[in-house]
Amino acid sequence: MLTTDLRTTDIPENGSKGFECNGEKYFAVKKEGKLYVYKNSCPHIGVALEWVEDQFLDSSQSMIQCANHGALFVIESGACVAGPCSGQKLTAVKFKVVDDVICLQLQP
């Protein structure tokens, strides 16, 4: 388990926050009090997703959106429902929250 510098309180409700851990980029989304963590890489061409720092959501804050081609992903599952990677998924990352800190459970 890898401890991050990200606290759950750093992520706004219905918002997102990017972070790095072990040299890799990730992001977390908080929706209705629940957290979701994904690798920060679009399945289409592997680019980072955010428009600007820590902004991974569309204007309605109901979908994750790739800045490169506008692909839309379901927050709860990472499934792409629109765009060039339709039918693919973001890479979900298992995690635990320990003393308000997000700890990643990365597979070797």
C-alpha atoms as a PDB file:
ATOM      1  CA  MET A   1       0.000   0.000   0.000  1.00  0.00           C
ATOM      2  CA  LEU A   2       1.385   3.407  -0.997  1.00  0.00           C
ATOM      3  CA  THR A   3       0.513   6.483   1.033  1.00  0.00           C
ATOM      4  CA  THR A   4      -0.238   9.629  -0.969  1.00  0.00           C
ATOM      5  CA  ASP A   5      -0.136  13.285   0.035  1.00  0.00           C
ATOM      6  CA  LEU A   6      -3.846  13.548  -0.753  1.00  0.00           C
ATOM      7  CA  ARG A   7      -6.425  13.863   1.998  1.00  0.00           C
ATOM      8  CA  THR A   8     -10.098  13.249   1.343  1.00  0.00           C
ATOM      9  CA  THR A   9     -10.770  16.763   2.618  1.00  0.00           C
ATOM     10  CA  ASP A  10      -8.571  18.140  -0.225  1.00  0.00           C
ATOM     11  CA  ILE A  11     -11.172  16.991  -2.765  1.00  0.00           C
ATOM     12  CA  PRO A  12     -14.252  19.203  -3.052  1.00  0.00           C
ATOM     13  CA  GLU A  13     -17.697  17.570  -3.084  1.00  0.00           C
ATOM     14  CA  ASN A  14     -18.633  16.937  -6.736  1.00  0.00           C
ATOM     15  CA  GLY A  15     -15.065  17.852  -7.643  1.00  0.00           C
ATOM     16  CA  SER A  16     -11.718  16.324  -8.524  1.00  0.00           C
ATOM     17  CA  LYS A  17      -8.055  16.519  -7.611  1.00  0.00           C
ATOM     18  CA  GLY A  18      -4.962  15.232  -9.389  1.00  0.00           C
ATOM     19  CA  PHE A  19      -1.955  13.790  -7.572  1.00  0.00           C
ATOM     20  CA  GLU A  20       1.222  11.794  -8.089  1.00  0.00           C
ATOM     21  CA  CYS A  21       2.312   8.644  -6.305  1.00  0.00           C
ATOM     22  CA  ASN A  22       5.390   6.550  -6.982  1.00  0.00           C
ATOM     23  CA  GLY A  23       6.120   8.567 -10.157  1.00  0.00           C
ATOM     24  CA  GLU A  24       2.672   7.953 -11.694  1.00  0.00           C
ATOM     25  CA  LYS A  25      -0.223  10.389 -12.168  1.00  0.00           C
ATOM     26  CA  TYR A  26      -3.667   9.728 -10.712  1.00  0.00           C
ATOM     27  CA  PHE A  27      -6.824  11.650  -9.891  1.00  0.00           C
ATOM     28  CA  ALA A  28      -9.638  11.327  -7.413  1.00  0.00           C
ATOM     29  CA  VAL A  29     -13.257  12.369  -7.783  1.00  0.00           C
ATOM     30  CA  LYS A  30     -15.694  12.896  -4.937  1.00  0.00           C
ATOM     31  CA  LYS A  31     -19.364  12.451  -5.796  1.00  0.00           C
ATOM     32  CA  GLU A  32     -22.136  12.336  -3.216  1.00  0.00           C
ATOM     33  CA  GLY A  33     -19.536  11.712  -0.506  1.00  0.00           C
ATOM     34  CA  LYS A  34     -18.012   8.699  -2.275  1.00  0.00           C
ATOM     35  CA  LEU A  35     -14.460   8.617  -3.677  1.00  0.00           C
ATOM     36  CA  TYR A  36     -13.273   7.206  -6.984  1.00  0.00           C
ATOM     37  CA  VAL A  37      -9.591   6.996  -7.974  1.00  0.00           C
ATOM     38  CA  TYR A  38      -8.296   6.496 -11.511  1.00  0.00           C
ATOM     39  CA  LYS A  39      -4.976   6.533 -13.311  1.00  0.00           C
ATOM     40  CA  ASN A  40      -4.637   9.884 -15.115  1.00  0.00           C
ATOM     41  CA  SER A  41      -4.447   8.455 -18.621  1.00  0.00           C
ATOM     42  CA  CYS A  42      -7.043   8.473 -21.390  1.00  0.00           C
ATOM     43  CA  PRO A  43      -7.495   4.973 -22.876  1.00  0.00           C
ATOM     44  CA  HIS A  44      -7.578   6.526 -26.365  1.00  0.00           C
ATOM     45  CA  ILE A  45      -3.960   7.727 -26.616  1.00  0.00           C
ATOM     46  CA  GLY A  46      -2.658   7.723 -23.051  1.00  0.00           C
ATOM     47  CA  VAL A  47      -2.626  11.498 -22.466  1.00  0.00           C
ATOM     48  CA  ALA A  48      -3.485  13.157 -19.158  1.00  0.00           C
ATOM     49  CA  LEU A  49      -7.193  13.960 -18.869  1.00  0.00           C
ATOM     50  CA  GLU A  50      -7.443  17.327 -17.144  1.00  0.00           C
ATOM     51  CA  TRP A  51      -8.319  20.635 -18.814  1.00  0.00           C
ATOM     52  CA  VAL A  52      -6.375  22.618 -16.254  1.00  0.00           C
ATOM     53  CA  GLU A  53      -4.870  21.537 -12.951  1.00  0.00           C
ATOM     54  CA  ASP A  54      -7.334  19.457 -10.903  1.00  0.00           C
ATOM     55  CA  GLN A  55     -10.218  19.862 -13.374  1.00  0.00           C
ATOM     56  CA  PHE A  56     -11.204  16.428 -14.624  1.00  0.00           C
ATOM     57  CA  LEU A  57     -14.975  16.941 -14.817  1.00  0.00           C
ATOM     58  CA  ASP A  58     -17.227  18.371 -17.500  1.00  0.00           C
ATOM     59  CA  SER A  59     -19.050  21.663 -16.938  1.00  0.00           C
ATOM     60  CA  SER A  60     -22.004  19.903 -15.262  1.00  0.00           C
ATOM     61  CA  GLN A  61     -19.599  18.045 -12.929  1.00  0.00           C
ATOM     62  CA  SER A  62     -21.478  14.837 -13.718  1.00  0.00           C
ATOM     63  CA  MET A  63     -18.915  13.171 -16.010  1.00  0.00           C
ATOM     64  CA  ILE A  64     -15.145  12.857 -16.269  1.00  0.00           C
ATOM     65  CA  GLN A  65     -13.993  14.531 -19.484  1.00  0.00           C
ATOM     66  CA  CYS A  66     -10.776  14.171 -21.474  1.00  0.00           C
ATOM     67  CA  ALA A  67      -9.348  17.536 -22.490  1.00  0.00           C
ATOM     68  CA  ASN A  68      -7.782  16.117 -25.656  1.00  0.00           C
ATOM     69  CA  HIS A  69     -10.813  14.817 -27.586  1.00  0.00           C
ATOM     70  CA  GLY A  70     -13.718  15.515 -25.211  1.00  0.00           C
ATOM     71  CA  ALA A  71     -14.392  11.859 -24.381  1.00  0.00           C
ATOM     72  CA  LEU A  72     -16.849  11.423 -21.498  1.00  0.00           C
ATOM     73  CA  PHE A  73     -16.511   8.834 -18.749  1.00  0.00           C
ATOM     74  CA  VAL A  74     -18.972   7.715 -16.059  1.00  0.00           C
ATOM     75  CA  ILE A  75     -17.589   8.772 -12.670  1.00  0.00           C
ATOM     76  CA  GLU A  76     -18.685   5.613 -10.850  1.00  0.00           C
ATOM     77  CA  SER A  77     -17.258   3.095 -13.346  1.00  0.00           C
ATOM     78  CA  GLY A  78     -14.757   4.925 -15.571  1.00  0.00           C
ATOM     79  CA  ALA A  79     -16.624   3.650 -18.655  1.00  0.00           C
ATOM     80  CA  CYS A  80     -16.294   5.835 -21.748  1.00  0.00           C
ATOM     81  CA  VAL A  81     -19.744   6.641 -23.128  1.00  0.00           C
ATOM     82  CA  ALA A  82     -18.807   9.239 -25.769  1.00  0.00           C
ATOM     83  CA  GLY A  83     -15.733  10.037 -27.829  1.00  0.00           C
ATOM     84  CA  PRO A  84     -12.998   8.125 -29.663  1.00  0.00           C
ATOM     85  CA  CYS A  85     -12.489   5.609 -26.844  1.00  0.00           C
ATOM     86  CA  SER A  86     -16.200   4.759 -26.482  1.00  0.00           C
ATOM     87  CA  GLY A  87     -16.567   1.288 -24.987  1.00  0.00           C
ATOM     88  CA  GLN A  88     -13.215   1.461 -23.175  1.00  0.00           C
ATOM     89  CA  LYS A  89     -12.596   2.333 -19.516  1.00  0.00           C
ATOM     90  CA  LEU A  90     -10.323   4.401 -17.353  1.00  0.00           C
ATOM     91  CA  THR A  91      -8.007   2.364 -15.149  1.00  0.00           C
ATOM     92  CA  ALA A  92      -9.574   2.278 -11.686  1.00  0.00           C
ATOM     93  CA  VAL A  93      -7.181   2.148  -8.740  1.00  0.00           C
ATOM     94  CA  LYS A  94      -7.960   0.334  -5.503  1.00  0.00           C
ATOM     95  CA  PHE A  95      -7.403   2.421  -2.404  1.00  0.00           C
ATOM     96  CA  LYS A  96      -8.092   2.710   1.297  1.00  0.00           C
ATOM     97  CA  VAL A  97      -8.529   5.812   3.395  1.00  0.00           C
ATOM     98  CA  VAL A  98      -6.335   5.800   6.512  1.00  0.00           C
ATOM     99  CA  ASP A  99      -6.649   8.768   8.879  1.00  0.00           C
ATOM    100  CA  ASP A 100      -8.208  10.828   6.038  1.00  0.00           C
ATOM    101  CA  VAL A 101      -5.249  10.052   3.698  1.00  0.00           C
ATOM    102  CA  ILE A 102      -5.765   8.146   0.437  1.00  0.00           C
ATOM    103  CA  CYS A 103      -3.500   5.090   0.283  1.00  0.00           C
ATOM    104  CA  LEU A 104      -3.238   3.286  -3.060  1.00  0.00           C
ATOM    105  CA  GLN A 105      -3.300  -0.484  -3.290  1.00  0.00           C
ATOM    106  CA  LEU A 106      -1.314  -0.927  -6.497  1.00  0.00           C
ATOM    107  CA  GLN A 107      -0.859  -4.290  -8.138  1.00  0.00           C
ATOM    108  CA  PRO A 108       2.775  -5.299  -8.769  1.00  0.00           C
END
